[in-house]
C-alpha atoms as a PDB file:
ATOM      1  CA  MET A   1     126.726 102.789 118.126  1.00  0.00           C
ATOM      2  CA  THR A   2     128.677 100.681 115.631  1.00  0.00           C
ATOM      3  CA  SER A   3     127.488 101.265 112.061  1.00  0.00           C
ATOM      4  CA  PHE A   4     125.370  98.493 110.524  1.00  0.00           C
ATOM      5  CA  PRO A   5     124.740  99.443 106.885  1.00  0.00           C
ATOM      6  CA  ARG A   6     121.512  98.774 105.038  1.00  0.00           C
ATOM      7  CA  THR A   7     122.525  96.370 102.288  1.00  0.00           C
ATOM      8  CA  ARG A   8     120.227  94.769  99.764  1.00  0.00           C
ATOM      9  CA  PRO A   9     120.702  90.974  99.918  1.00  0.00           C
ATOM     10  CA  THR A  10     122.616  89.622  96.936  1.00  0.00           C
ATOM     11  CA  SER A  11     120.158  86.736  96.932  1.00  0.00           C
ATOM     12  CA  ILE A  12     116.834  86.365  98.712  1.00  0.00           C
ATOM     13  CA  PRO A  13     117.068  83.631 101.361  1.00  0.00           C
ATOM     14  CA  ALA A  14     114.350  81.024 101.583  1.00  0.00           C
ATOM     15  CA  ILE A  15     111.892  81.831 104.327  1.00  0.00           C
ATOM     16  CA  HIS A  16     109.522  79.366 105.952  1.00  0.00           C
ATOM     17  CA  PRO A  17     106.876  81.276 107.920  1.00  0.00           C
ATOM     18  CA  VAL A  18     104.788  79.173 110.278  1.00  0.00           C
ATOM     19  CA  PRO A  19     101.220  80.507 109.845  1.00  0.00           C
ATOM     20  CA  GLU A  20      98.930  80.764 112.818  1.00  0.00           C
ATOM     21  CA  TYR A  21      96.606  78.048 111.546  1.00  0.00           C
ATOM     22  CA  LEU A  22      99.502  75.547 111.419  1.00  0.00           C
ATOM     23  CA  ALA A  23     100.993  76.465 114.790  1.00  0.00           C
ATOM     24  CA  GLY A  24     100.882  73.809 117.496  1.00  0.00           C
ATOM     25  CA  ALA A  25      99.442  74.599 120.900  1.00  0.00           C
ATOM     26  CA  ALA A  26     102.649  75.942 122.450  1.00  0.00           C
ATOM     27  CA  LEU A  27     103.562  78.097 119.455  1.00  0.00           C
ATOM     28  CA  LYS A  28      99.979  79.313 119.116  1.00  0.00           C
ATOM     29  CA  ALA A  29     100.071  80.438 122.754  1.00  0.00           C
ATOM     30  CA  ARG A  30     103.327  82.289 122.091  1.00  0.00           C
ATOM     31  CA  TYR A  31     101.810  83.963 119.026  1.00  0.00           C
ATOM     32  CA  GLU A  32      98.801  85.106 121.063  1.00  0.00           C
ATOM     33  CA  ASP A  33     101.095  86.410 123.784  1.00  0.00           C
ATOM     34  CA  MET A  34     103.157  88.379 121.272  1.00  0.00           C
ATOM     35  CA  LYS A  35     100.061  89.906 119.683  1.00  0.00           C
ATOM     36  CA  ARG A  36      98.713  90.826 123.107  1.00  0.00           C
ATOM     37  CA  VAL A  37     101.975  92.405 124.282  1.00  0.00           C
ATOM     38  CA  ILE A  38     102.635  94.540 121.204  1.00  0.00           C
ATOM     39  CA  GLN A  39      98.898  95.089 120.605  1.00  0.00           C
ATOM     40  CA  VAL A  40      98.479  93.903 117.014  1.00  0.00           C
ATOM     41  CA  PRO A  41      95.767  91.716 115.420  1.00  0.00           C
ATOM     42  CA  TRP A  42      98.080  89.653 113.219  1.00  0.00           C
ATOM     43  CA  MET A  43     101.378  87.823 113.250  1.00  0.00           C
ATOM     44  CA  GLY A  44     103.735  89.451 110.800  1.00  0.00           C
ATOM     45  CA  VAL A  45     105.550  87.394 108.191  1.00  0.00           C
ATOM     46  CA  VAL A  46     108.799  88.324 109.917  1.00  0.00           C
ATOM     47  CA  THR A  47     107.904  86.815 113.281  1.00  0.00           C
ATOM     48  CA  MET A  48     106.332  83.752 111.651  1.00  0.00           C
ATOM     49  CA  ALA A  49     109.633  83.341 109.773  1.00  0.00           C
ATOM     50  CA  TYR A  50     111.500  83.548 113.096  1.00  0.00           C
ATOM     51  CA  ALA A  51     109.219  80.796 114.421  1.00  0.00           C
ATOM     52  CA  HIS A  52     110.590  78.356 111.852  1.00  0.00           C
ATOM     53  CA  TYR A  53     113.613  78.275 114.185  1.00  0.00           C
ATOM     54  CA  PRO A  54     111.999  77.246 117.496  1.00  0.00           C
ATOM     55  CA  ALA A  55     114.969  77.561 119.866  1.00  0.00           C
ATOM     56  CA  PHE A  56     115.842  80.912 118.326  1.00  0.00           C
ATOM     57  CA  PHE A  57     112.238  82.151 118.543  1.00  0.00           C
ATOM     58  CA  ASP A  58     111.894  81.025 122.153  1.00  0.00           C
ATOM     59  CA  ARG A  59     115.115  82.761 123.161  1.00  0.00           C
ATOM     60  CA  LEU A  60     114.390  86.032 121.402  1.00  0.00           C
ATOM     61  CA  TRP A  61     110.839  86.330 122.728  1.00  0.00           C
ATOM     62  CA  GLY A  62     111.848  85.307 126.236  1.00  0.00           C
ATOM     63  CA  GLY A  63     114.488  88.021 126.187  1.00  0.00           C
ATOM     64  CA  LEU A  64     112.542  90.730 124.388  1.00  0.00           C
ATOM     65  CA  ARG A  65     109.082  90.309 125.922  1.00  0.00           C
ATOM     66  CA  PRO A  66     109.745  92.608 128.922  1.00  0.00           C
ATOM     67  CA  VAL A  67     111.235  95.168 126.520  1.00  0.00           C
ATOM     68  CA  CYS A  68     108.263  95.025 124.148  1.00  0.00           C
ATOM     69  CA  GLU A  69     105.750  95.731 126.919  1.00  0.00           C
ATOM     70  CA  SER A  70     107.715  98.743 128.182  1.00  0.00           C
ATOM     71  CA  SER A  71     106.937 102.443 127.805  1.00  0.00           C
ATOM     72  CA  ALA A  72     110.360 102.915 126.207  1.00  0.00           C
ATOM     73  CA  TYR A  73     109.432 100.452 123.457  1.00  0.00           C
ATOM     74  CA  VAL A  74     106.105 102.150 122.758  1.00  0.00           C
ATOM     75  CA  GLU A  75     107.700 105.592 122.627  1.00  0.00           C
ATOM     76  CA  THR A  76     110.368 104.313 120.237  1.00  0.00           C
ATOM     77  CA  SER A  77     107.645 102.891 117.974  1.00  0.00           C
ATOM     78  CA  ARG A  78     105.721 106.152 118.052  1.00  0.00           C
ATOM     79  CA  ALA A  79     108.792 108.242 117.275  1.00  0.00           C
ATOM     80  CA  LEU A  80     109.619 106.074 114.264  1.00  0.00           C
ATOM     81  CA  ARG A  81     106.081 106.402 112.960  1.00  0.00           C
ATOM     82  CA  ARG A  82     105.997 110.182 113.368  1.00  0.00           C
ATOM     83  CA  HIS A  83     109.257 110.542 111.529  1.00  0.00           C
ATOM     84  CA  VAL A  84     108.372 108.400 108.505  1.00  0.00           C
ATOM     85  CA  GLU A  85     104.935 109.986 108.098  1.00  0.00           C
ATOM     86  CA  GLU A  86     106.449 113.460 108.153  1.00  0.00           C
ATOM     87  CA  ALA A  87     109.051 112.399 105.591  1.00  0.00           C
ATOM     88  CA  VAL A  88     106.496 110.750 103.288  1.00  0.00           C
ATOM     89  CA  ALA A  89     104.292 113.853 103.355  1.00  0.00           C
ATOM     90  CA  ARG A  90     107.146 115.655 101.585  1.00  0.00           C
ATOM     91  CA  LEU A  91     106.813 113.171  98.707  1.00  0.00           C
ATOM     92  CA  SER A  92     103.317 114.669  98.091  1.00  0.00           C
ATOM     93  CA  PRO A  93     101.371 111.441  97.487  1.00  0.00           C
ATOM     94  CA  PRO A  94      98.431 112.228  95.192  1.00  0.00           C
ATOM     95  CA  PRO A  95      95.051 112.285  96.982  1.00  0.00           C
ATOM     96  CA  ILE A  96      92.951 109.268  96.166  1.00  0.00           C
ATOM     97  CA  ALA A  97      89.615 109.677  97.992  1.00  0.00           C
ATOM     98  CA  ASP A  98      87.925 111.771  95.288  1.00  0.00           C
ATOM     99  CA  ARG A  99      88.977 109.335  92.587  1.00  0.00           C
ATOM    100  CA  LEU A 100      87.517 106.475  94.592  1.00  0.00           C
ATOM    101  CA  SER A 101      84.273 108.382  95.194  1.00  0.00           C
ATOM    102  CA  GLU A 102      83.956 108.960  91.459  1.00  0.00           C
ATOM    103  CA  ILE A 103      84.001 105.210  90.777  1.00  0.00           C
ATOM    104  CA  GLY A 104      81.413 104.524  93.454  1.00  0.00           C
ATOM    105  CA  TYR A 105      83.145 104.185  96.823  1.00  0.00           C
ATOM    106  CA  ALA A 106      80.824 105.315  99.611  1.00  0.00           C
ATOM    107  CA  PRO A 107      82.104 107.224 102.685  1.00  0.00           C
ATOM    108  CA  ARG A 108      81.736 104.096 104.807  1.00  0.00           C
ATOM    109  CA  GLU A 109      83.948 102.123 102.413  1.00  0.00           C
ATOM    110  CA  LEU A 110      86.570 104.854 102.428  1.00  0.00           C
ATOM    111  CA  GLY A 111      86.408 104.784 106.223  1.00  0.00           C
ATOM    112  CA  ASN A 112      86.999 101.018 106.228  1.00  0.00           C
ATOM    113  CA  ILE A 113      90.071 101.425 104.016  1.00  0.00           C
ATOM    114  CA  ARG A 114      91.416 104.190 106.270  1.00  0.00           C
ATOM    115  CA  ASP A 115      90.840 101.929 109.279  1.00  0.00           C
ATOM    116  CA  MET A 116      92.741  99.065 107.664  1.00  0.00           C
ATOM    117  CA  VAL A 117      95.635 101.346 106.745  1.00  0.00           C
ATOM    118  CA  GLU A 118      95.661 102.600 110.344  1.00  0.00           C
ATOM    119  CA  VAL A 119      95.895  99.034 111.668  1.00  0.00           C
ATOM    120  CA  PHE A 120      99.105  98.571 109.679  1.00  0.00           C
ATOM    121  CA  SER A 121     100.337 102.114 110.353  1.00  0.00           C
ATOM    122  CA  HIS A 122     100.294 101.271 114.042  1.00  0.00           C
ATOM    123  CA  GLY A 123     101.101  97.583 113.854  1.00  0.00           C
ATOM    124  CA  ASN A 124     104.164  97.721 111.638  1.00  0.00           C
ATOM    125  CA  PHE A 125     105.809 100.121 114.054  1.00  0.00           C
ATOM    126  CA  ALA A 126     104.880  97.851 116.954  1.00  0.00           C
ATOM    127  CA  TYR A 127     107.020  95.185 115.286  1.00  0.00           C
ATOM    128  CA  LEU A 128     109.822  97.451 114.092  1.00  0.00           C
ATOM    129  CA  PRO A 129     111.976  97.879 117.241  1.00  0.00           C
ATOM    130  CA  MET A 130     111.786  94.137 117.900  1.00  0.00           C
ATOM    131  CA  VAL A 131     112.987  93.310 114.392  1.00  0.00           C
ATOM    132  CA  ALA A 132     115.772  95.878 114.692  1.00  0.00           C
ATOM    133  CA  ALA A 133     116.803  94.516 118.093  1.00  0.00           C
ATOM    134  CA  VAL A 134     117.017  90.950 116.769  1.00  0.00           C
ATOM    135  CA  TRP A 135     119.173  91.952 113.817  1.00  0.00           C
ATOM    136  CA  LEU A 136     121.340  94.251 115.911  1.00  0.00           C
ATOM    137  CA  LEU A 137     122.069  91.482 118.403  1.00  0.00           C
ATOM    138  CA  LEU A 138     122.807  88.884 115.737  1.00  0.00           C
ATOM    139  CA  GLU A 139     125.242  91.273 114.081  1.00  0.00           C
ATOM    140  CA  GLY A 140     127.194  91.757 117.297  1.00  0.00           C
ATOM    141  CA  GLY A 141     125.483  94.845 118.693  1.00  0.00           C
ATOM    142  CA  ALA A 142     123.818  95.302 122.056  1.00  0.00           C
ATOM    143  CA  LEU A 143     120.724  96.687 123.717  1.00  0.00           C
ATOM    144  CA  ASP A 144     122.268  98.884 126.361  1.00  0.00           C
ATOM    145  CA  GLY A 145     119.760 101.598 127.139  1.00  0.00           C
ATOM    146  CA  GLU A 146     119.809 102.958 130.662  1.00  0.00           C
ATOM    147  CA  GLY A 147     116.891 102.821 133.051  1.00  0.00           C
ATOM    148  CA  ALA A 148     114.256 100.281 133.950  1.00  0.00           C
ATOM    149  CA  ALA A 149     111.814  98.739 131.496  1.00  0.00           C
ATOM    150  CA  LEU A 150     108.739 100.356 133.017  1.00  0.00           C
ATOM    151  CA  PRO A 151     105.593  98.695 131.666  1.00  0.00           C
ATOM    152  CA  PHE A 152     103.352 100.713 129.382  1.00  0.00           C
ATOM    153  CA  ASP A 153     100.002 101.174 131.088  1.00  0.00           C
ATOM    154  CA  GLY A 154      96.974 101.046 128.829  1.00  0.00           C
ATOM    155  CA  ARG A 155      96.296 100.675 125.149  1.00  0.00           C
ATOM    156  CA  HIS A 156      98.396 102.198 122.393  1.00  0.00           C
ATOM    157  CA  ALA A 157      96.755 100.372 119.476  1.00  0.00           C
ATOM    158  CA  PRO A 158      93.904 102.123 117.623  1.00  0.00           C
ATOM    159  CA  GLU A 159      90.389 101.342 118.817  1.00  0.00           C
ATOM    160  CA  ILE A 160      89.389  99.949 115.450  1.00  0.00           C
ATOM    161  CA  SER A 161      87.295  96.900 114.659  1.00  0.00           C
ATOM    162  CA  VAL A 162      87.722  95.989 111.010  1.00  0.00           C
ATOM    163  CA  PRO A 163      87.518  92.477 109.517  1.00  0.00           C
ATOM    164  CA  PHE A 164      91.058  91.263 108.936  1.00  0.00           C
ATOM    165  CA  LEU A 165      90.697  89.468 105.613  1.00  0.00           C
ATOM    166  CA  LEU A 166      93.603  88.709 103.308  1.00  0.00           C
ATOM    167  CA  MET A 167      93.223  88.507  99.543  1.00  0.00           C
ATOM    168  CA  GLU A 168      95.507  85.578  98.813  1.00  0.00           C
ATOM    169  CA  ALA A 169      96.699  85.112  95.247  1.00  0.00           C
ATOM    170  CA  HIS A 170      94.515  82.022  94.841  1.00  0.00           C
ATOM    171  CA  HIS A 171      91.467  84.068  95.892  1.00  0.00           C
ATOM    172  CA  ALA A 172      92.169  86.936  93.520  1.00  0.00           C
ATOM    173  CA  ASP A 173      91.085  87.598  89.965  1.00  0.00           C
ATOM    174  CA  ALA A 174      93.608  88.024  87.165  1.00  0.00           C
ATOM    175  CA  PRO A 175      94.016  91.830  87.501  1.00  0.00           C
ATOM    176  CA  THR A 176      94.797  91.574  91.230  1.00  0.00           C
ATOM    177  CA  ARG A 177      97.228  88.709  90.653  1.00  0.00           C
ATOM    178  CA  ALA A 178      98.912  90.926  88.055  1.00  0.00           C
ATOM    179  CA  VAL A 179      99.276  93.676  90.672  1.00  0.00           C
ATOM    180  CA  TYR A 180     100.835  91.144  93.041  1.00  0.00           C
ATOM    181  CA  GLU A 181     103.326  90.072  90.380  1.00  0.00           C
ATOM    182  CA  ASP A 182     104.116  93.720  89.696  1.00  0.00           C
ATOM    183  CA  ILE A 183     104.734  94.346  93.415  1.00  0.00           C
ATOM    184  CA  LYS A 184     107.052  91.343  93.662  1.00  0.00           C
ATOM    185  CA  ALA A 185     108.961  92.417  90.564  1.00  0.00           C
ATOM    186  CA  LYS A 186     109.290  96.025  91.686  1.00  0.00           C
ATOM    187  CA  LEU A 187     110.344  95.140  95.230  1.00  0.00           C
ATOM    188  CA  GLY A 188     112.452  92.119  94.240  1.00  0.00           C
ATOM    189  CA  LEU A 189     110.546  89.750  96.511  1.00  0.00           C
ATOM    190  CA  PRO A 190     109.179  86.221  96.204  1.00  0.00           C
ATOM    191  CA  PHE A 191     106.168  87.056  98.420  1.00  0.00           C
ATOM    192  CA  VAL A 192     103.549  89.767  98.915  1.00  0.00           C
ATOM    193  CA  ASN A 193     103.430  91.319 102.377  1.00  0.00           C
ATOM    194  CA  THR A 194     100.355  90.963 104.587  1.00  0.00           C
ATOM    195  CA  ASP A 195      99.647  94.700 104.300  1.00  0.00           C
ATOM    196  CA  TYR A 196      99.208  94.538 100.540  1.00  0.00           C
ATOM    197  CA  ARG A 197      97.084  91.381 100.684  1.00  0.00           C
ATOM    198  CA  ALA A 198      94.800  93.008 103.262  1.00  0.00           C
ATOM    199  CA  LEU A 199      94.378  96.211 101.244  1.00  0.00           C
ATOM    200  CA  ALA A 200      93.725  94.226  98.053  1.00  0.00           C
ATOM    201  CA  ARG A 201      90.419  93.241  99.625  1.00  0.00           C
ATOM    202  CA  TRP A 202      89.336  96.408  97.756  1.00  0.00           C
ATOM    203  CA  PRO A 203      90.891  95.555  94.367  1.00  0.00           C
ATOM    204  CA  SER A 204      90.022  98.743  92.491  1.00  0.00           C
ATOM    205  CA  TYR A 205      91.319 100.886  95.361  1.00  0.00           C
ATOM    206  CA  PHE A 206      94.524  98.894  95.698  1.00  0.00           C
ATOM    207  CA  SER A 207      95.282  99.019  91.983  1.00  0.00           C
ATOM    208  CA  LEU A 208      94.990 102.825  92.008  1.00  0.00           C
ATOM    209  CA  ALA A 209      97.022 103.141  95.197  1.00  0.00           C
ATOM    210  CA  TRP A 210      99.824 100.903  93.906  1.00  0.00           C
ATOM    211  CA  ASN A 211      99.954 102.674  90.548  1.00  0.00           C
ATOM    212  CA  ASP A 212     100.498 105.967  92.399  1.00  0.00           C
ATOM    213  CA  LEU A 213     103.204 104.473  94.599  1.00  0.00           C
ATOM    214  CA  LYS A 214     105.067 102.394  92.016  1.00  0.00           C
ATOM    215  CA  PRO A 215     106.891 105.286  90.247  1.00  0.00           C
ATOM    216  CA  VAL A 216     108.110 106.556  93.639  1.00  0.00           C
ATOM    217  CA  VAL A 217     109.577 103.271  94.889  1.00  0.00           C
ATOM    218  CA  GLY A 218     113.324 103.172  94.400  1.00  0.00           C
ATOM    219  CA  THR A 219     113.711 106.862  93.633  1.00  0.00           C
ATOM    220  CA  PRO A 220     116.446 108.757  95.506  1.00  0.00           C
ATOM    221  CA  ALA A 221     113.844 110.456  97.720  1.00  0.00           C
ATOM    222  CA  HIS A 222     112.165 107.137  98.607  1.00  0.00           C
ATOM    223  CA  GLU A 223     115.494 105.406  99.208  1.00  0.00           C
ATOM    224  CA  ALA A 224     116.640 108.251 101.456  1.00  0.00           C
ATOM    225  CA  ILE A 225     113.600 107.733 103.684  1.00  0.00           C
ATOM    226  CA  CYS A 226     114.245 103.977 103.813  1.00  0.00           C
ATOM    227  CA  GLN A 227     117.898 104.486 104.717  1.00  0.00           C
ATOM    228  CA  ASP A 228     116.993 106.973 107.419  1.00  0.00           C
ATOM    229  CA  MET A 229     114.394 104.578 108.837  1.00  0.00           C
ATOM    230  CA  HIS A 230     116.953 101.770 108.897  1.00  0.00           C
ATOM    231  CA  ASP A 231     119.362 103.937 110.867  1.00  0.00           C
ATOM    232  CA  ARG A 232     116.675 105.169 113.265  1.00  0.00           C
ATOM    233  CA  MET A 233     115.384 101.625 113.866  1.00  0.00           C
ATOM    234  CA  LEU A 234     118.826 100.491 114.965  1.00  0.00           C
ATOM    235  CA  GLU A 235     119.494 103.595 117.047  1.00  0.00           C
ATOM    236  CA  GLY A 236     116.137 103.153 118.757  1.00  0.00           C
ATOM    237  CA  ALA A 237     116.724  99.452 119.415  1.00  0.00           C
ATOM    238  CA  ALA A 238     120.206 100.045 120.828  1.00  0.00           C
ATOM    239  CA  ALA A 239     118.780 102.554 123.303  1.00  0.00           C
ATOM    240  CA  LEU A 240     116.113 100.169 124.643  1.00  0.00           C
ATOM    241  CA  PRO A 241     116.409  98.772 128.171  1.00  0.00           C
ATOM    242  CA  ASN A 242     117.380  95.122 128.412  1.00  0.00           C
ATOM    243  CA  PRO A 243     116.133  93.708 131.724  1.00  0.00           C
ATOM    244  CA  ALA A 244     116.548  90.088 130.612  1.00  0.00           C
ATOM    245  CA  ARG A 245     120.141  90.873 129.527  1.00  0.00           C
ATOM    246  CA  LEU A 246     119.665  89.260 126.120  1.00  0.00           C
ATOM    247  CA  THR A 247     123.012  89.188 124.297  1.00  0.00           C
ATOM    248  CA  CYS A 248     124.453  88.470 120.906  1.00  0.00           C
ATOM    249  CA  ALA A 249     125.911  85.212 122.261  1.00  0.00           C
ATOM    250  CA  ASP A 250     122.472  84.139 123.546  1.00  0.00           C
ATOM    251  CA  LEU A 251     120.760  84.602 120.191  1.00  0.00           C
ATOM    252  CA  ARG A 252     123.581  83.116 118.166  1.00  0.00           C
ATOM    253  CA  GLU A 253     123.683  80.038 120.385  1.00  0.00           C
ATOM    254  CA  ALA A 254     119.925  79.564 120.024  1.00  0.00           C
ATOM    255  CA  ALA A 255     120.054  80.077 116.251  1.00  0.00           C
ATOM    256  CA  GLN A 256     122.728  77.415 115.898  1.00  0.00           C
ATOM    257  CA  ALA A 257     120.510  74.938 117.732  1.00  0.00           C
ATOM    258  CA  ASP A 258     118.112  75.168 114.769  1.00  0.00           C
ATOM    259  CA  ALA A 259     120.222  75.835 111.672  1.00  0.00           C
ATOM    260  CA  SER A 260     123.441  77.414 110.545  1.00  0.00           C
ATOM    261  CA  LEU A 261     124.066  80.883 111.913  1.00  0.00           C
ATOM    262  CA  ASP A 262     124.478  82.190 108.376  1.00  0.00           C
ATOM    263  CA  GLU A 263     121.004  80.970 107.449  1.00  0.00           C
ATOM    264  CA  VAL A 264     119.300  82.643 110.399  1.00  0.00           C
ATOM    265  CA  ARG A 265     121.283  85.849 109.939  1.00  0.00           C
ATOM    266  CA  ALA A 266     120.300  85.953 106.266  1.00  0.00           C
ATOM    267  CA  VAL A 267     116.591  85.661 107.103  1.00  0.00           C
ATOM    268  CA  CYS A 268     116.793  88.342 109.805  1.00  0.00           C
ATOM    269  CA  GLY A 269     118.861  90.586 107.556  1.00  0.00           C
ATOM    270  CA  LEU A 270     116.284  90.289 104.781  1.00  0.00           C
ATOM    271  CA  PHE A 271     113.535  91.694 106.994  1.00  0.00           C
ATOM    272  CA  GLN A 272     115.780  94.397 108.427  1.00  0.00           C
ATOM    273  CA  TYR A 273     116.358  95.487 104.826  1.00  0.00           C
ATOM    274  CA  LEU A 274     112.706  95.229 103.749  1.00  0.00           C
ATOM    275  CA  LEU A 275     110.785  96.750 106.636  1.00  0.00           C
ATOM    276  CA  PRO A 276     111.916 100.371 106.160  1.00  0.00           C
ATOM    277  CA  GLY A 277     110.485 100.204 102.644  1.00  0.00           C
ATOM    278  CA  LEU A 278     107.247  98.599 103.808  1.00  0.00           C
ATOM    279  CA  VAL A 279     106.550 101.242 106.454  1.00  0.00           C
ATOM    280  CA  THR A 280     107.397 103.982 103.953  1.00  0.00           C
ATOM    281  CA  ASN A 281     104.946 102.514 101.440  1.00  0.00           C
ATOM    282  CA  VAL A 282     102.141 102.161 103.989  1.00  0.00           C
ATOM    283  CA  ALA A 283     102.732 105.770 105.072  1.00  0.00           C
ATOM    284  CA  PHE A 284     102.328 106.710 101.405  1.00  0.00           C
ATOM    285  CA  PHE A 285      98.980 104.860 101.269  1.00  0.00           C
ATOM    286  CA  ARG A 286      97.885 106.625 104.431  1.00  0.00           C
ATOM    287  CA  ARG A 287      98.812 110.044 103.079  1.00  0.00           C
ATOM    288  CA  GLN A 288      96.873 109.380  99.869  1.00  0.00           C
ATOM    289  CA  LEU A 289      93.713 109.097 101.959  1.00  0.00           C
ATOM    290  CA  VAL A 290      94.267 112.318 103.923  1.00  0.00           C
ATOM    291  CA  ALA A 291      92.008 115.136 102.750  1.00  0.00           C
ATOM    292  CA  PRO A 292      94.053 117.886 101.030  1.00  0.00           C
END
């Protein structure tokens, strides 16, 4: 496969996610279809940012839908998750459950946090090959895996029912808003990912968890995991079957119906750069909650 390096954007492009509550009927139906196919309870910021470009979003989902519901896609997602969790374990995240119990967290509350982390541990990897495939195609690569896209039979998402509530900045108290500003400064982002806003529903937990993670972010060991995830995402995407024969030319043509190609490529490149770090950080949160 041609090399596609992981490069931090020199400037962060403007993104315009279309939230579910603002989606019109047709887009809402597409959102529900995407969530059903990849078995997630939320639309990620990345796919809502794609939806700002309607022709582009229609073309990519029309081409990638049969891939995303395939066994090959699910196995790629699972392999990526196994690898990052094994790598993060070697960072030795400090256990957090005892510290939370000491400040009053009951076992049920700890279970709810673990469940929420598991939703993202599964869901982020359900999005990952799709995001990699989109970026790969826009950059001139191809999905050229051999074999048929055999549908995955059954459920691969965790059987978890946990209220999906996001602590938006305007809901939060001053200490939580300060954590959000710290996250944005450390990660160099103008927004706070859904994962962090969901986990901040437990503010005292999230402050402890972030303070453990913060010194690790950007270290050589953390960056090595992110780089490896970037490479594995693209390798996995390139090996996926492509029954709809979606091509670079298809996606570029659709993108240019909505905006300049450079604009769409910049948005897609931003998420291809960011997502390896996000999944590494969520794996860190998950490992913190594993009993020693």
